[in-house]
Every structure is written in structure tokens, then in C-alpha cells.
Amino acid sequence: VRDAARTTDGTFAVCGSFVNQSGPGTYLALVQPTTQATTFIPLSPFQPSHLVASPQGTFWLVGFANKAAHFRHYDASGKLLSSAMRAVTLPTSATFLSTDLIVAPHGPDVLW
């Protein structure tokens, strides 16, 4: 589990990574407060790092895919409402030290 959040109506969400017989992957899981029904949403190759619940009962994920920052917006049922990629992608020489720390050369400097 990388992050978790809960909406004001009690819908609980977690994002993270897993490994099964098919290999590694990432996910968003939503648990409904009244029925305890769980919705599992595969996210690979998207690598989520942060999850936030909005006051409107939706969830925002921030993470990376193909060395670019992405934002994803889901409703409480798991439907993808919108997504956006940050305009600047990371150079191919970027090194992902963790989901929160990326090191990349930038001219004579180093970005992190």
C-alpha cells in the first residue's frame, strides 16, 4: 500500500503495488461504506504515489507512467473521470529512486 484516503461519505480507497503469477502491477481499490463491496482497478503501467479524497466524494491519484507525471481523477465507483500528463517529461536518463524521489541530469545540474 502506497497511500490511502477516505471520502466524507466513508468510501475508503487505497493504492499500491502487487506481484502475482502474472507479474508485478499497480492498483486502486475502493471499499464502499454501506456494502463493504470492493472495486479493484488495475493501473499498470501507471505507478501511483499519492491519493487524495475530494470533498465531492471523488479521488485524485498522482503518479508516473513512461517517465512523465500523471494526474488521474476517479469517481467513488472507480470510473476514470479525467487524466492529465504533466507537459514536461523526464529525460531518459532519469533514475527513479522511489515513487517520491527521482534524479535526472539537467545540463550541468541535477534535478530531484
C-alpha atoms as a PDB file:
ATOM      1  CA  VAL A   1       0.000   0.000   0.000  1.00  0.00           C
ATOM      2  CA  ARG A   2       1.421   3.368  -1.026  1.00  0.00           C
ATOM      3  CA  ASP A   3      -1.381   5.666   0.127  1.00  0.00           C
ATOM      4  CA  ALA A   4      -4.956   5.670   1.430  1.00  0.00           C
ATOM      5  CA  ALA A   5      -7.827   8.155   1.671  1.00  0.00           C
ATOM      6  CA  ARG A   6     -11.472   8.303   2.786  1.00  0.00           C
ATOM      7  CA  THR A   7     -14.307  10.486   1.499  1.00  0.00           C
ATOM      8  CA  THR A   8     -16.802  12.240   3.768  1.00  0.00           C
ATOM      9  CA  ASP A   9     -19.400   9.527   2.973  1.00  0.00           C
ATOM     10  CA  GLY A  10     -16.967   6.856   4.175  1.00  0.00           C
ATOM     11  CA  THR A  11     -15.766   5.406   0.861  1.00  0.00           C
ATOM     12  CA  PHE A  12     -12.247   4.150   1.529  1.00  0.00           C
ATOM     13  CA  ALA A  13      -9.533   3.939  -1.142  1.00  0.00           C
ATOM     14  CA  VAL A  14      -6.012   2.516  -1.214  1.00  0.00           C
ATOM     15  CA  CYS A  15      -3.426   2.478  -3.982  1.00  0.00           C
ATOM     16  CA  GLY A  16      -0.314   0.385  -4.224  1.00  0.00           C
ATOM     17  CA  SER A  17       1.533  -2.386  -5.984  1.00  0.00           C
ATOM     18  CA  PHE A  18       1.356  -6.164  -6.068  1.00  0.00           C
ATOM     19  CA  VAL A  19       3.041  -9.222  -7.548  1.00  0.00           C
ATOM     20  CA  ASN A  20       1.077 -12.288  -8.640  1.00  0.00           C
ATOM     21  CA  GLN A  21       1.576 -15.195 -11.072  1.00  0.00           C
ATOM     22  CA  SER A  22       1.176 -12.750 -13.995  1.00  0.00           C
ATOM     23  CA  GLY A  23       3.912 -10.466 -12.656  1.00  0.00           C
ATOM     24  CA  PRO A  24       4.013  -7.054 -10.945  1.00  0.00           C
ATOM     25  CA  GLY A  25       1.259  -4.461 -11.179  1.00  0.00           C
ATOM     26  CA  THR A  26      -0.335  -1.449  -9.521  1.00  0.00           C
ATOM     27  CA  TYR A  27      -3.903  -0.864  -8.366  1.00  0.00           C
ATOM     28  CA  LEU A  28      -6.570   1.384  -6.901  1.00  0.00           C
ATOM     29  CA  ALA A  29      -9.026  -0.365  -4.572  1.00  0.00           C
ATOM     30  CA  LEU A  30     -12.281   1.247  -3.409  1.00  0.00           C
ATOM     31  CA  VAL A  31     -14.390  -0.049  -0.497  1.00  0.00           C
ATOM     32  CA  GLN A  32     -17.999   1.167  -0.287  1.00  0.00           C
ATOM     33  CA  PRO A  33     -19.082   2.088   3.263  1.00  0.00           C
ATOM     34  CA  THR A  34     -22.563   0.539   3.256  1.00  0.00           C
ATOM     35  CA  THR A  35     -21.996  -2.747   1.409  1.00  0.00           C
ATOM     36  CA  GLN A  36     -18.261  -3.278   2.014  1.00  0.00           C
ATOM     37  CA  ALA A  37     -18.087  -4.125  -1.724  1.00  0.00           C
ATOM     38  CA  THR A  38     -14.563  -3.680  -3.067  1.00  0.00           C
ATOM     39  CA  THR A  39     -13.757  -2.447  -6.560  1.00  0.00           C
ATOM     40  CA  PHE A  40     -10.250  -3.325  -7.781  1.00  0.00           C
ATOM     41  CA  ILE A  41      -8.875  -1.168 -10.634  1.00  0.00           C
ATOM     42  CA  PRO A  42      -5.589  -2.245 -12.288  1.00  0.00           C
ATOM     43  CA  LEU A  43      -3.425   0.795 -13.095  1.00  0.00           C
ATOM     44  CA  SER A  44      -0.236  -0.566 -14.713  1.00  0.00           C
ATOM     45  CA  PRO A  45       1.910   0.905 -16.211  1.00  0.00           C
ATOM     46  CA  PHE A  46       0.766   3.895 -14.126  1.00  0.00           C
ATOM     47  CA  GLN A  47       2.678   3.964 -10.808  1.00  0.00           C
ATOM     48  CA  PRO A  48       0.579   5.803  -8.199  1.00  0.00           C
ATOM     49  CA  SER A  49       2.395   7.663  -5.446  1.00  0.00           C
ATOM     50  CA  HIS A  50      -0.277   9.809  -3.764  1.00  0.00           C
ATOM     51  CA  LEU A  51      -4.043   9.512  -3.307  1.00  0.00           C
ATOM     52  CA  VAL A  52      -6.392  12.274  -2.124  1.00  0.00           C
ATOM     53  CA  ALA A  53     -10.156  12.232  -1.474  1.00  0.00           C
ATOM     54  CA  SER A  54     -12.046  15.326  -2.610  1.00  0.00           C
ATOM     55  CA  PRO A  55     -14.974  16.902  -0.726  1.00  0.00           C
ATOM     56  CA  GLN A  56     -17.183  15.882  -3.692  1.00  0.00           C
ATOM     57  CA  GLY A  57     -16.551  12.185  -2.988  1.00  0.00           C
ATOM     58  CA  THR A  58     -14.057  11.574  -5.806  1.00  0.00           C
ATOM     59  CA  PHE A  59     -10.400  10.532  -5.692  1.00  0.00           C
ATOM     60  CA  TRP A  60      -7.290  12.057  -7.257  1.00  0.00           C
ATOM     61  CA  LEU A  61      -4.168   9.997  -7.915  1.00  0.00           C
ATOM     62  CA  VAL A  62      -0.749  11.411  -8.708  1.00  0.00           C
ATOM     63  CA  GLY A  63       1.948   9.170 -10.109  1.00  0.00           C
ATOM     64  CA  PHE A  64       4.162   8.323 -13.046  1.00  0.00           C
ATOM     65  CA  ALA A  65       3.906   6.429 -16.325  1.00  0.00           C
ATOM     66  CA  ASN A  66       6.535   6.344 -19.041  1.00  0.00           C
ATOM     67  CA  LYS A  67       8.702   8.774 -17.036  1.00  0.00           C
ATOM     68  CA  ALA A  68       6.049  11.501 -17.058  1.00  0.00           C
ATOM     69  CA  ALA A  69       3.947  12.796 -14.164  1.00  0.00           C
ATOM     70  CA  HIS A  70       0.254  11.952 -14.425  1.00  0.00           C
ATOM     71  CA  PHE A  71      -2.882  13.016 -12.575  1.00  0.00           C
ATOM     72  CA  ARG A  72      -5.947  10.753 -12.575  1.00  0.00           C
ATOM     73  CA  HIS A  73      -9.433  11.539 -11.270  1.00  0.00           C
ATOM     74  CA  TYR A  74     -11.819   8.692 -10.310  1.00  0.00           C
ATOM     75  CA  ASP A  75     -15.374   8.661  -9.010  1.00  0.00           C
ATOM     76  CA  ALA A  76     -16.377   6.565  -5.971  1.00  0.00           C
ATOM     77  CA  SER A  77     -17.353   3.625  -8.218  1.00  0.00           C
ATOM     78  CA  GLY A  78     -13.901   3.502  -9.834  1.00  0.00           C
ATOM     79  CA  LYS A  79     -14.794   5.179 -13.135  1.00  0.00           C
ATOM     80  CA  LEU A  80     -11.928   7.261 -14.571  1.00  0.00           C
ATOM     81  CA  LEU A  81     -13.318  10.800 -14.900  1.00  0.00           C
ATOM     82  CA  SER A  82     -10.247  12.531 -16.296  1.00  0.00           C
ATOM     83  CA  SER A  83      -6.496  12.277 -16.590  1.00  0.00           C
ATOM     84  CA  ALA A  84      -3.690  14.631 -17.469  1.00  0.00           C
ATOM     85  CA  MET A  85       0.018  14.325 -18.088  1.00  0.00           C
ATOM     86  CA  ARG A  86       2.455  16.993 -16.969  1.00  0.00           C
ATOM     87  CA  ALA A  87       3.764  18.836 -20.017  1.00  0.00           C
ATOM     88  CA  VAL A  88       7.414  18.204 -19.199  1.00  0.00           C
ATOM     89  CA  THR A  89       8.567  14.606 -19.350  1.00  0.00           C
ATOM     90  CA  LEU A  90      11.649  13.391 -17.587  1.00  0.00           C
ATOM     91  CA  PRO A  91      14.800  12.636 -19.564  1.00  0.00           C
ATOM     92  CA  THR A  92      15.514   9.007 -20.427  1.00  0.00           C
ATOM     93  CA  SER A  93      18.466   9.129 -18.038  1.00  0.00           C
ATOM     94  CA  ALA A  94      16.183   9.841 -15.036  1.00  0.00           C
ATOM     95  CA  THR A  95      16.545   7.418 -12.159  1.00  0.00           C
ATOM     96  CA  PHE A  96      13.509   6.547 -10.032  1.00  0.00           C
ATOM     97  CA  LEU A  97      14.912   6.122  -6.513  1.00  0.00           C
ATOM     98  CA  SER A  98      11.376   5.739  -5.128  1.00  0.00           C
ATOM     99  CA  THR A  99       7.884   6.885  -6.066  1.00  0.00           C
ATOM    100  CA  ASP A 100       8.675  10.190  -4.364  1.00  0.00           C
ATOM    101  CA  LEU A 101      12.279  10.771  -5.432  1.00  0.00           C
ATOM    102  CA  ILE A 102      13.522  10.976  -8.997  1.00  0.00           C
ATOM    103  CA  VAL A 103      17.004  12.105 -10.006  1.00  0.00           C
ATOM    104  CA  ALA A 104      17.719  13.406 -13.505  1.00  0.00           C
ATOM    105  CA  PRO A 105      20.543  15.362 -15.144  1.00  0.00           C
ATOM    106  CA  HIS A 106      19.641  18.857 -16.301  1.00  0.00           C
ATOM    107  CA  GLY A 107      22.568  20.399 -18.149  1.00  0.00           C
ATOM    108  CA  PRO A 108      25.406  20.702 -15.621  1.00  0.00           C
ATOM    109  CA  ASP A 109      22.937  20.323 -12.731  1.00  0.00           C
ATOM    110  CA  VAL A 110      20.920  17.505 -11.229  1.00  0.00           C
ATOM    111  CA  LEU A 111      17.162  17.723 -10.639  1.00  0.00           C
ATOM    112  CA  TRP A 112      15.360  15.849  -7.862  1.00  0.00           C
END
